[in-house]
Amino acid sequence: MPTSSPHPIVLVHGTRTSSRIWDDQVRALTEGGHASVAIDLPGHGTRAHERFTFEGALAAIDDAVRSCDAPPLLVGLSLGGYMSLAYAGRHEDRLAGVLLAGCSTEIKGKPLHVYRHASSRVARALRLGGGTWHVVTDMLAAMHGYSPLGDLRRLALPVWLVNGARDPLRLEARRYLAAHPGARQWVVPGAGHDVNSEAPVTFNRILLHVLRDLSRRALPGSGLRVA
């Protein structure tokens, strides 16, 4: 991986999509000299033959994180956001920060129905997923009982939230911000759940801003540590 950026980026996709959803971000990051890797979770993309499990998803993220030559910024969308937060809750020392998109609510009750609808719409729009509805069942079983707010409250890492203004899964964003007082949120006008695909230029600008913020935090004498 290139070494022009002190903070590599690991990108984690949502349900019934794949690493392909990050193509625009990988292109922009590469052009900016930032090392990045977009992974496929079990049951998705190049790993569609596997079954999705909570531990399997964490292991996939860990493989990517360990491939980096410095603690990376972990970026997750939707399911990828929840899994990124769960990974950070276990391995905070291996990361520089976490950016969570499209996952600012607990997945239970009414939000669970919204999540299923959103993942279906994204998959259809991007022509991804095929006959992979078992992945949704696997995901729901794997996520049962998981509390993202619990992990947020324990984290000392920098955290950023990015949500589309029309995304119904941002309904608990205030609770997320309260759980991690240092967190910052961007709400992208006009965008829905798949914010990185619906507003790629804005999302890429946010990514680059976050990377600059991390670099400033790491400067000697800043009094701030990122990992």
Protein backbone atom coordinates (compact mmCIF):
# COMPACT_ATOMS: atom_id res chain seq x y z
CA MET A 1 0.00 0.00 0.00
CA PRO A 2 1.21 3.59 -0.63
CA THR A 3 2.78 5.42 2.27
CA SER A 4 1.99 9.01 1.22
CA SER A 5 -0.72 9.32 3.87
CA PRO A 6 -0.11 8.65 7.56
CA HIS A 7 -3.65 7.27 7.85
CA PRO A 8 -4.80 4.52 5.52
CA ILE A 9 -8.54 4.03 5.06
CA VAL A 10 -10.51 0.78 5.35
CA LEU A 11 -13.99 0.89 3.79
CA VAL A 12 -16.79 -1.50 4.82
CA HIS A 13 -20.00 -1.83 2.77
CA GLY A 14 -23.62 -2.47 3.74
CA THR A 15 -26.03 -5.40 3.39
CA ARG A 16 -26.47 -7.07 -0.03
CA THR A 17 -23.92 -4.80 -1.68
CA SER A 18 -20.14 -5.21 -1.92
CA SER A 19 -16.84 -3.36 -1.95
CA ARG A 20 -17.90 -1.95 -5.34
CA ILE A 21 -20.05 0.69 -3.64
CA TRP A 22 -16.81 2.43 -2.65
CA ASP A 23 -15.38 2.71 -6.19
CA ASP A 24 -15.86 6.47 -6.29
CA GLN A 25 -14.29 6.94 -2.88
CA VAL A 26 -11.32 4.68 -3.66
CA ARG A 27 -10.72 6.63 -6.86
CA ALA A 28 -10.84 9.99 -5.07
CA LEU A 29 -8.63 8.79 -2.23
CA THR A 30 -6.08 7.30 -4.61
CA GLU A 31 -5.94 10.53 -6.59
CA GLY A 32 -5.31 12.36 -3.31
CA GLY A 33 -2.45 10.03 -2.42
CA HIS A 34 -4.29 8.19 0.34
CA ALA A 35 -3.93 4.44 0.73
CA SER A 36 -7.30 2.70 0.91
CA VAL A 37 -8.76 -0.79 0.89
CA ALA A 38 -12.44 -1.68 0.38
CA ILE A 39 -13.35 -5.11 1.70
CA ASP A 40 -16.07 -7.67 1.02
CA LEU A 41 -17.84 -8.99 4.11
CA PRO A 42 -18.78 -12.70 4.27
CA GLY A 43 -21.84 -13.36 2.12
CA HIS A 44 -21.08 -10.44 -0.20
CA GLY A 45 -19.12 -9.76 -3.38
CA THR A 46 -16.15 -12.08 -3.78
CA ARG A 47 -17.25 -13.84 -0.57
CA ALA A 48 -20.86 -14.42 -1.61
CA HIS A 49 -20.41 -18.18 -1.19
CA GLU A 50 -19.89 -17.70 2.58
CA ARG A 51 -22.51 -17.15 5.25
CA PHE A 52 -22.53 -13.86 7.11
CA THR A 53 -21.72 -14.01 10.83
CA PHE A 54 -20.84 -11.36 13.38
CA GLU A 55 -17.44 -12.89 14.13
CA GLY A 56 -16.73 -13.50 10.45
CA ALA A 57 -17.39 -9.84 9.67
CA LEU A 58 -15.09 -8.73 12.48
CA ALA A 59 -12.38 -11.06 11.18
CA ALA A 60 -12.70 -9.60 7.66
CA ILE A 61 -12.26 -6.09 9.03
CA ASP A 62 -9.33 -7.21 11.17
CA ASP A 63 -7.54 -8.71 8.15
CA ALA A 64 -7.82 -5.37 6.34
CA VAL A 65 -6.74 -3.33 9.37
CA ARG A 66 -3.71 -5.54 9.93
CA SER A 67 -2.71 -5.13 6.26
CA CYS A 68 -2.28 -1.37 6.80
CA ASP A 69 1.12 0.07 7.64
CA ALA A 70 -0.40 2.47 10.21
CA PRO A 71 -3.62 2.61 12.25
CA PRO A 72 -6.34 3.31 9.66
CA LEU A 73 -9.48 5.37 9.58
CA LEU A 74 -12.28 2.77 9.56
CA VAL A 75 -15.24 3.85 7.41
CA GLY A 76 -18.48 1.87 7.43
CA LEU A 77 -21.85 2.32 5.72
CA SER A 78 -25.06 0.81 7.09
CA LEU A 79 -24.22 -2.78 8.16
CA GLY A 80 -20.57 -1.87 7.58
CA GLY A 81 -20.98 0.99 10.01
CA TYR A 82 -22.39 -1.21 12.73
CA MET A 83 -19.65 -3.78 12.21
CA SER A 84 -16.98 -1.06 12.16
CA LEU A 85 -18.25 0.26 15.47
CA ALA A 86 -18.32 -3.25 16.93
CA TYR A 87 -14.74 -3.78 15.73
CA ALA A 88 -13.64 -0.47 17.28
CA GLY A 89 -15.25 -1.53 20.54
CA ARG A 90 -12.96 -4.57 20.62
CA HIS A 91 -9.81 -3.23 18.97
CA GLU A 92 -9.70 0.50 19.58
CA ASP A 93 -5.89 0.42 19.80
CA ARG A 94 -5.61 -0.67 16.15
CA LEU A 95 -7.48 2.33 14.70
CA ALA A 96 -7.00 6.06 14.20
CA GLY A 97 -10.70 6.85 14.10
CA VAL A 98 -14.13 5.69 12.92
CA LEU A 99 -16.51 7.25 10.40
CA LEU A 100 -20.03 5.84 10.59
CA ALA A 101 -22.50 6.43 7.75
CA GLY A 102 -26.15 5.41 7.56
CA CYS A 103 -26.23 3.61 10.90
CA SER A 104 -27.33 6.18 13.49
CA THR A 105 -30.02 4.10 15.14
CA GLU A 106 -30.34 0.87 17.07
CA ILE A 107 -31.52 -1.98 14.83
CA LYS A 108 -34.67 -3.16 16.59
CA GLY A 109 -38.41 -2.61 16.37
CA LYS A 110 -39.55 -0.24 13.62
CA PRO A 111 -35.97 0.67 12.53
CA LEU A 112 -35.46 -3.02 11.75
CA HIS A 113 -38.18 -2.88 9.08
CA VAL A 114 -36.72 0.34 7.70
CA TYR A 115 -33.28 -1.25 7.54
CA ARG A 116 -34.57 -4.21 5.53
CA HIS A 117 -36.33 -1.88 3.08
CA ALA A 118 -33.26 0.35 2.70
CA SER A 119 -30.89 -2.55 2.03
CA SER A 120 -33.26 -3.92 -0.61
CA ARG A 121 -33.55 -0.54 -2.36
CA VAL A 122 -29.80 0.03 -2.42
CA ALA A 123 -29.15 -3.45 -3.79
CA ARG A 124 -31.71 -2.95 -6.57
CA ALA A 125 -30.41 0.51 -7.46
CA LEU A 126 -26.83 -0.70 -7.78
CA ARG A 127 -27.90 -4.02 -9.36
CA LEU A 128 -26.12 -5.93 -6.64
CA GLY A 129 -27.10 -8.79 -4.43
CA GLY A 130 -28.82 -11.17 -6.84
CA GLY A 131 -30.39 -14.09 -4.99
CA THR A 132 -28.77 -13.25 -1.69
CA TRP A 133 -31.74 -12.58 0.58
CA HIS A 134 -30.41 -15.20 3.01
CA VAL A 135 -27.76 -12.59 3.83
CA VAL A 136 -30.44 -10.34 5.34
CA THR A 137 -31.66 -13.19 7.54
CA ASP A 138 -28.09 -13.99 8.56
CA MET A 139 -27.40 -10.32 9.27
CA LEU A 140 -30.51 -9.89 11.42
CA ALA A 141 -29.62 -12.98 13.43
CA ALA A 142 -26.01 -11.82 13.83
CA MET A 143 -26.99 -8.30 14.91
CA HIS A 144 -29.65 -9.43 17.39
CA GLY A 145 -28.85 -7.99 20.80
CA TYR A 146 -26.00 -5.77 19.58
CA SER A 147 -26.02 -2.24 21.03
CA PRO A 148 -24.00 0.32 19.03
CA LEU A 149 -24.61 2.90 21.75
CA GLY A 150 -22.87 0.67 24.26
CA ASP A 151 -19.71 0.62 22.16
CA LEU A 152 -19.91 4.34 21.45
CA ARG A 153 -19.99 5.17 25.16
CA ARG A 154 -16.78 3.22 25.75
CA LEU A 155 -14.75 4.59 22.83
CA ALA A 156 -12.05 7.22 23.24
CA LEU A 157 -11.32 7.24 19.50
CA PRO A 158 -12.40 10.16 17.28
CA VAL A 159 -15.83 9.41 15.79
CA TRP A 160 -17.61 11.06 12.87
CA LEU A 161 -21.21 10.47 11.74
CA VAL A 162 -22.33 11.03 8.15
CA ASN A 163 -26.02 10.74 7.31
CA GLY A 164 -28.20 11.60 4.34
CA ALA A 165 -30.89 14.12 5.24
CA ARG A 166 -33.52 11.69 3.91
CA ASP A 167 -32.14 8.61 5.64
CA PRO A 168 -34.68 7.23 8.14
CA LEU A 169 -31.82 5.44 9.91
CA ARG A 170 -30.49 8.71 11.33
CA LEU A 171 -33.43 9.05 13.71
CA GLU A 172 -31.26 8.39 16.78
CA ALA A 173 -28.31 10.56 15.74
CA ARG A 174 -28.75 12.77 18.81
CA ARG A 175 -28.44 9.74 21.09
CA TYR A 176 -25.26 8.74 19.23
CA LEU A 177 -23.78 12.21 19.66
CA ALA A 178 -24.69 12.20 23.35
CA ALA A 179 -23.09 8.76 23.77
CA HIS A 180 -19.79 10.08 22.40
CA PRO A 181 -19.58 13.80 23.25
CA GLY A 182 -16.56 14.37 20.99
CA ALA A 183 -18.33 13.04 17.90
CA ARG A 184 -19.19 15.29 14.96
CA GLN A 185 -22.05 14.79 12.52
CA TRP A 186 -22.55 15.80 8.89
CA VAL A 187 -26.06 15.67 7.44
CA VAL A 188 -25.87 15.66 3.63
CA PRO A 189 -28.80 17.54 2.00
CA GLY A 190 -30.85 15.60 -0.53
CA ALA A 191 -29.18 12.25 0.17
CA GLY A 192 -30.83 9.12 1.52
CA HIS A 193 -29.46 5.97 3.09
CA ASP A 194 -26.72 5.25 0.53
CA VAL A 195 -25.14 8.65 1.11
CA ASN A 196 -21.75 7.84 -0.44
CA SER A 197 -23.41 6.84 -3.73
CA GLU A 198 -26.11 9.52 -3.83
CA ALA A 199 -23.76 12.38 -2.95
CA PRO A 200 -20.25 11.11 -3.80
CA VAL A 201 -18.63 14.53 -4.21
CA THR A 202 -19.85 15.71 -0.80
CA PHE A 203 -19.01 12.40 0.85
CA ASN A 204 -15.49 12.46 -0.62
CA ARG A 205 -14.95 16.00 0.66
CA ILE A 206 -16.01 14.87 4.12
CA LEU A 207 -13.58 11.95 3.98
CA LEU A 208 -10.70 14.22 3.03
CA HIS A 209 -11.67 16.68 5.77
CA VAL A 210 -11.63 13.88 8.33
CA LEU A 211 -8.20 12.74 7.16
CA ARG A 212 -6.87 16.28 7.53
CA ASP A 213 -8.41 16.44 11.00
CA LEU A 214 -6.68 13.19 11.97
CA SER A 215 -3.35 14.51 10.67
CA ARG A 216 -3.70 17.66 12.76
CA ARG A 217 -4.51 15.60 15.85
CA ALA A 218 -1.33 13.58 15.33
CA LEU A 219 0.98 16.63 15.06
CA PRO A 220 3.65 16.87 17.78
CA GLY A 221 2.63 19.34 20.43
CA SER A 222 -1.05 19.15 19.59
CA GLY A 223 -1.80 17.41 22.84
CA LEU A 224 -4.08 14.98 21.01
CA ARG A 225 -3.60 11.32 20.21
CA VAL A 226 -5.53 9.38 17.59
CA ALA A 227 -4.81 5.83 18.71
